[in-house]
Amino acid sequence: DISAYEVIYIMTPIYWGTYAPEMETALKDLDFTGKTVRIITTHEGSGLANVPNDVKRICKGANVLDDALAIRGLEASSSRNRIEEWV
């Protein structure tokens, strides 16, 4: 139930050009009407891949912001400051 939240953060690794399959299972039945969605991904070279478009497709009614953050997996452990600035 995400009804109490205005902003929803979706974080996922990139799997074959999109979010992890488990993300679709977790998101597909939620009501995103009027919610703001921000995306953060980890990857090893594909950047955001198709995640923004796929999140827009699955999170119907959401305002998916264009400021998504892609962090190379090898840099994840040293990305705290970058993530804090983004949030």
C-alpha atoms as a PDB file:
ATOM      1  CA  ASP A   1       0.000   0.000   0.000  1.00  0.00           C
ATOM      2  CA  ILE A   2       1.635   3.239  -1.168  1.00  0.00           C
ATOM      3  CA  SER A   3      -1.322   5.512  -0.452  1.00  0.00           C
ATOM      4  CA  ALA A   4       0.474   7.394   2.342  1.00  0.00           C
ATOM      5  CA  TYR A   5       3.397   8.429   0.124  1.00  0.00           C
ATOM      6  CA  GLU A   6       3.713  11.286  -2.355  1.00  0.00           C
ATOM      7  CA  VAL A   7       7.101  10.295  -3.765  1.00  0.00           C
ATOM      8  CA  ILE A   8       8.003   6.705  -4.580  1.00  0.00           C
ATOM      9  CA  TYR A   9      11.626   5.734  -5.193  1.00  0.00           C
ATOM     10  CA  ILE A  10      12.206   2.751  -7.441  1.00  0.00           C
ATOM     11  CA  MET A  11      15.670   1.224  -7.261  1.00  0.00           C
ATOM     12  CA  THR A  12      16.652  -1.702  -9.409  1.00  0.00           C
ATOM     13  CA  PRO A  13      19.613  -3.313 -11.079  1.00  0.00           C
ATOM     14  CA  ILE A  14      19.500  -3.424 -14.871  1.00  0.00           C
ATOM     15  CA  TYR A  15      18.665  -6.904 -16.187  1.00  0.00           C
ATOM     16  CA  TRP A  16      18.789  -7.310 -19.955  1.00  0.00           C
ATOM     17  CA  GLY A  17      17.974  -3.668 -20.650  1.00  0.00           C
ATOM     18  CA  THR A  18      15.254  -3.090 -18.071  1.00  0.00           C
ATOM     19  CA  TYR A  19      14.372  -3.438 -14.392  1.00  0.00           C
ATOM     20  CA  ALA A  20      14.633  -6.739 -12.561  1.00  0.00           C
ATOM     21  CA  PRO A  21      11.620  -8.980 -13.282  1.00  0.00           C
ATOM     22  CA  GLU A  22      10.642  -8.900  -9.613  1.00  0.00           C
ATOM     23  CA  MET A  23       9.984  -5.173  -9.940  1.00  0.00           C
ATOM     24  CA  GLU A  24       7.088  -5.739 -12.309  1.00  0.00           C
ATOM     25  CA  THR A  25       5.557  -8.221  -9.884  1.00  0.00           C
ATOM     26  CA  ALA A  26       5.888  -5.720  -7.022  1.00  0.00           C
ATOM     27  CA  LEU A  27       4.612  -2.689  -8.961  1.00  0.00           C
ATOM     28  CA  LYS A  28       1.961  -3.886 -11.392  1.00  0.00           C
ATOM     29  CA  ASP A  29      -1.040  -3.810  -9.046  1.00  0.00           C
ATOM     30  CA  LEU A  30      -0.240  -0.592  -7.147  1.00  0.00           C
ATOM     31  CA  ASP A  31      -2.200   2.623  -7.652  1.00  0.00           C
ATOM     32  CA  PHE A  32       0.273   5.322  -8.733  1.00  0.00           C
ATOM     33  CA  THR A  33      -2.360   7.954  -9.465  1.00  0.00           C
ATOM     34  CA  GLY A  34      -0.988  11.344  -8.414  1.00  0.00           C
ATOM     35  CA  LYS A  35       2.315   9.885  -7.188  1.00  0.00           C
ATOM     36  CA  THR A  36       5.764  11.130  -8.162  1.00  0.00           C
ATOM     37  CA  VAL A  37       8.215   8.384  -9.064  1.00  0.00           C
ATOM     38  CA  ARG A  38      12.000   8.711  -9.044  1.00  0.00           C
ATOM     39  CA  ILE A  39      14.273   6.008 -10.436  1.00  0.00           C
ATOM     40  CA  ILE A  40      17.726   4.864  -9.426  1.00  0.00           C
ATOM     41  CA  THR A  41      19.518   1.964 -11.093  1.00  0.00           C
ATOM     42  CA  THR A  42      22.745   0.056 -10.855  1.00  0.00           C
ATOM     43  CA  HIS A  43      24.385  -1.211 -14.023  1.00  0.00           C
ATOM     44  CA  GLU A  44      27.658  -2.321 -15.536  1.00  0.00           C
ATOM     45  CA  GLY A  45      27.587  -0.193 -18.661  1.00  0.00           C
ATOM     46  CA  SER A  46      24.006   0.164 -19.859  1.00  0.00           C
ATOM     47  CA  GLY A  47      23.126   3.280 -17.844  1.00  0.00           C
ATOM     48  CA  LEU A  48      19.374   3.584 -17.439  1.00  0.00           C
ATOM     49  CA  ALA A  49      18.676   1.360 -20.447  1.00  0.00           C
ATOM     50  CA  ASN A  50      14.874   1.113 -20.974  1.00  0.00           C
ATOM     51  CA  VAL A  51      13.985   1.486 -17.294  1.00  0.00           C
ATOM     52  CA  PRO A  52      12.403   4.983 -17.469  1.00  0.00           C
ATOM     53  CA  ASN A  53      10.060   4.008 -20.304  1.00  0.00           C
ATOM     54  CA  ASP A  54       9.216   0.677 -18.692  1.00  0.00           C
ATOM     55  CA  VAL A  55       8.494   2.332 -15.331  1.00  0.00           C
ATOM     56  CA  LYS A  56       6.211   4.845 -17.069  1.00  0.00           C
ATOM     57  CA  ARG A  57       4.364   1.915 -18.648  1.00  0.00           C
ATOM     58  CA  ILE A  58       3.872  -0.044 -15.420  1.00  0.00           C
ATOM     59  CA  CYS A  59       3.281   2.867 -13.002  1.00  0.00           C
ATOM     60  CA  LYS A  60       0.100   4.156 -14.595  1.00  0.00           C
ATOM     61  CA  GLY A  61      -0.967   7.591 -13.378  1.00  0.00           C
ATOM     62  CA  ALA A  62       2.451   8.451 -11.943  1.00  0.00           C
ATOM     63  CA  ASN A  63       4.561  11.484 -12.713  1.00  0.00           C
ATOM     64  CA  VAL A  64       7.861   9.701 -13.478  1.00  0.00           C
ATOM     65  CA  LEU A  65      10.586  12.311 -13.148  1.00  0.00           C
ATOM     66  CA  ASP A  66      13.264  12.586 -15.828  1.00  0.00           C
ATOM     67  CA  ASP A  67      16.087  12.949 -13.285  1.00  0.00           C
ATOM     68  CA  ALA A  68      16.769   9.211 -12.956  1.00  0.00           C
ATOM     69  CA  LEU A  69      20.147   8.244 -11.528  1.00  0.00           C
ATOM     70  CA  ALA A  70      22.288   5.431 -12.929  1.00  0.00           C
ATOM     71  CA  ILE A  71      25.193   4.174 -10.844  1.00  0.00           C
ATOM     72  CA  ARG A  72      27.775   1.751 -12.151  1.00  0.00           C
ATOM     73  CA  GLY A  73      27.731  -1.301  -9.900  1.00  0.00           C
ATOM     74  CA  LEU A  74      31.464  -1.119  -9.246  1.00  0.00           C
ATOM     75  CA  GLU A  75      30.967   2.438  -7.928  1.00  0.00           C
ATOM     76  CA  ALA A  76      27.917   1.694  -5.755  1.00  0.00           C
ATOM     77  CA  SER A  77      29.824   1.365  -2.495  1.00  0.00           C
ATOM     78  CA  SER A  78      31.364   4.831  -2.958  1.00  0.00           C
ATOM     79  CA  SER A  79      28.227   6.620  -4.231  1.00  0.00           C
ATOM     80  CA  ARG A  80      26.684   7.772  -0.973  1.00  0.00           C
ATOM     81  CA  ASN A  81      27.343  11.489  -1.555  1.00  0.00           C
ATOM     82  CA  ARG A  82      26.090  11.302  -5.122  1.00  0.00           C
ATOM     83  CA  ILE A  83      22.863   9.653  -3.997  1.00  0.00           C
ATOM     84  CA  GLU A  84      22.340  12.105  -1.125  1.00  0.00           C
ATOM     85  CA  GLU A  85      22.726  15.040  -3.523  1.00  0.00           C
ATOM     86  CA  TRP A  86      20.264  13.434  -5.942  1.00  0.00           C
ATOM     87  CA  VAL A  87      17.657  12.793  -3.230  1.00  0.00           C
END
